[in-house]
Amino acid sequence: SILVAEEPKPLDLRKKKFQTESIPLSPSCDCYTCKRFSRAYLHHLCRANEPTFWTLASIHNLKFMTNSMQKIRKQILDGVV
């Protein structure tokens, strides 16, 4: 599963609906995966059982988690949480 800020649930790129999507995983993300690869290409890698898919998915998910923790940390320091 792929974590995306714009979606309520993680993306399952095995689903056929991603086969033609030329947008990045997350348009607001600046990770290596989102800057260079479309959902359609990642869908292809996933369906083809390419190990590269897991590397690219991990790069994106780690960036997503890092960004989320930075936002939470800032909210704590600002007294919001």
C-alpha atoms as a PDB file:
ATOM      1  CA  SER A   1       0.000   0.000   0.000  1.00  0.00           C
ATOM      2  CA  ILE A   2       1.055   3.539  -0.734  1.00  0.00           C
ATOM      3  CA  LEU A   3       0.393   6.385   1.698  1.00  0.00           C
ATOM      4  CA  VAL A   4      -0.927   9.562   0.064  1.00  0.00           C
ATOM      5  CA  ALA A   5      -1.955  12.773   1.839  1.00  0.00           C
ATOM      6  CA  GLU A   6      -4.720  13.548  -0.677  1.00  0.00           C
ATOM      7  CA  GLU A   7      -6.428  10.160  -0.223  1.00  0.00           C
ATOM      8  CA  PRO A   8      -8.368   8.946   2.837  1.00  0.00           C
ATOM      9  CA  LYS A   9      -6.979   5.387   2.473  1.00  0.00           C
ATOM     10  CA  PRO A  10      -3.675   4.012   1.188  1.00  0.00           C
ATOM     11  CA  LEU A  11      -3.540   3.379  -2.574  1.00  0.00           C
ATOM     12  CA  ASP A  12      -3.567  -0.186  -3.862  1.00  0.00           C
ATOM     13  CA  LEU A  13      -1.692   0.156  -7.127  1.00  0.00           C
ATOM     14  CA  ARG A  14      -2.639  -3.366  -8.198  1.00  0.00           C
ATOM     15  CA  LYS A  15      -6.098  -2.052  -9.112  1.00  0.00           C
ATOM     16  CA  LYS A  16      -6.806  -1.573 -12.798  1.00  0.00           C
ATOM     17  CA  LYS A  17      -7.943   2.046 -12.373  1.00  0.00           C
ATOM     18  CA  PHE A  18      -4.281   3.109 -11.968  1.00  0.00           C
ATOM     19  CA  GLN A  19      -3.277   1.573 -15.312  1.00  0.00           C
ATOM     20  CA  THR A  20      -3.759   4.863 -17.195  1.00  0.00           C
ATOM     21  CA  GLU A  21      -3.171   7.510 -14.511  1.00  0.00           C
ATOM     22  CA  SER A  22      -0.296   9.715 -15.613  1.00  0.00           C
ATOM     23  CA  ILE A  23      -0.154  11.723 -12.379  1.00  0.00           C
ATOM     24  CA  PRO A  24       2.387  11.101  -9.598  1.00  0.00           C
ATOM     25  CA  LEU A  25       1.410   9.120  -6.512  1.00  0.00           C
ATOM     26  CA  SER A  26       0.922  12.364  -4.627  1.00  0.00           C
ATOM     27  CA  PRO A  27       0.989  15.671  -6.539  1.00  0.00           C
ATOM     28  CA  SER A  28       2.099  17.518  -3.393  1.00  0.00           C
ATOM     29  CA  CYS A  29       5.016  15.166  -2.648  1.00  0.00           C
ATOM     30  CA  ASP A  30       8.583  16.037  -3.625  1.00  0.00           C
ATOM     31  CA  CYS A  31      10.134  12.589  -3.187  1.00  0.00           C
ATOM     32  CA  TYR A  32      12.208  10.872  -5.882  1.00  0.00           C
ATOM     33  CA  THR A  33       9.341   8.522  -6.775  1.00  0.00           C
ATOM     34  CA  CYS A  34       6.707  11.235  -7.181  1.00  0.00           C
ATOM     35  CA  LYS A  35       9.003  13.531  -9.151  1.00  0.00           C
ATOM     36  CA  ARG A  36       9.904  10.857 -11.704  1.00  0.00           C
ATOM     37  CA  PHE A  37       7.228   8.169 -12.020  1.00  0.00           C
ATOM     38  CA  SER A  38       3.504   8.057 -12.775  1.00  0.00           C
ATOM     39  CA  ARG A  39       0.884   5.937 -11.058  1.00  0.00           C
ATOM     40  CA  ALA A  40       0.517   3.998 -14.327  1.00  0.00           C
ATOM     41  CA  TYR A  41       4.207   3.071 -14.394  1.00  0.00           C
ATOM     42  CA  LEU A  42       4.171   2.070 -10.731  1.00  0.00           C
ATOM     43  CA  HIS A  43       1.015   0.044 -11.412  1.00  0.00           C
ATOM     44  CA  HIS A  44       2.910  -1.760 -14.180  1.00  0.00           C
ATOM     45  CA  LEU A  45       5.882  -2.474 -11.889  1.00  0.00           C
ATOM     46  CA  CYS A  46       3.569  -3.764  -9.169  1.00  0.00           C
ATOM     47  CA  ARG A  47       1.596  -6.033 -11.509  1.00  0.00           C
ATOM     48  CA  ALA A  48       4.824  -7.355 -13.052  1.00  0.00           C
ATOM     49  CA  ASN A  49       6.180  -8.199  -9.581  1.00  0.00           C
ATOM     50  CA  GLU A  50       9.222  -6.022 -10.175  1.00  0.00           C
ATOM     51  CA  PRO A  51      11.355  -5.541  -7.036  1.00  0.00           C
ATOM     52  CA  THR A  52      11.899  -1.947  -8.160  1.00  0.00           C
ATOM     53  CA  PHE A  53       8.279  -1.244  -7.235  1.00  0.00           C
ATOM     54  CA  TRP A  54       8.957  -1.973  -3.568  1.00  0.00           C
ATOM     55  CA  THR A  55      12.020   0.265  -3.550  1.00  0.00           C
ATOM     56  CA  LEU A  56      10.115   3.183  -5.117  1.00  0.00           C
ATOM     57  CA  ALA A  57       7.105   2.623  -2.845  1.00  0.00           C
ATOM     58  CA  SER A  58       9.381   2.580   0.217  1.00  0.00           C
ATOM     59  CA  ILE A  59      11.088   5.815  -0.835  1.00  0.00           C
ATOM     60  CA  HIS A  60       7.703   7.510  -1.118  1.00  0.00           C
ATOM     61  CA  ASN A  61       6.270   6.049   2.101  1.00  0.00           C
ATOM     62  CA  LEU A  62       9.357   7.017   4.122  1.00  0.00           C
ATOM     63  CA  LYS A  63       9.143  10.591   2.812  1.00  0.00           C
ATOM     64  CA  PHE A  64       5.417  10.661   3.635  1.00  0.00           C
ATOM     65  CA  MET A  65       6.054   9.435   7.194  1.00  0.00           C
ATOM     66  CA  THR A  66       8.948  11.873   7.696  1.00  0.00           C
ATOM     67  CA  ASN A  67       6.792  14.793   6.552  1.00  0.00           C
ATOM     68  CA  SER A  68       3.922  13.666   8.791  1.00  0.00           C
ATOM     69  CA  MET A  69       6.200  13.466  11.843  1.00  0.00           C
ATOM     70  CA  GLN A  70       7.643  16.923  11.112  1.00  0.00           C
ATOM     71  CA  LYS A  71       4.111  18.390  11.021  1.00  0.00           C
ATOM     72  CA  ILE A  72       3.161  16.661  14.281  1.00  0.00           C
ATOM     73  CA  ARG A  73       6.412  17.760  15.953  1.00  0.00           C
ATOM     74  CA  LYS A  74       5.745  21.374  14.917  1.00  0.00           C
ATOM     75  CA  GLN A  75       2.182  21.208  16.252  1.00  0.00           C
ATOM     76  CA  ILE A  76       3.451  19.904  19.588  1.00  0.00           C
ATOM     77  CA  LEU A  77       6.067  22.653  19.843  1.00  0.00           C
ATOM     78  CA  ASP A  78       3.446  25.265  18.902  1.00  0.00           C
ATOM     79  CA  GLY A  79       1.102  23.956  21.595  1.00  0.00           C
ATOM     80  CA  VAL A  80      -1.590  22.954  19.108  1.00  0.00           C
ATOM     81  CA  VAL A  81      -1.585  19.282  20.136  1.00  0.00           C
END
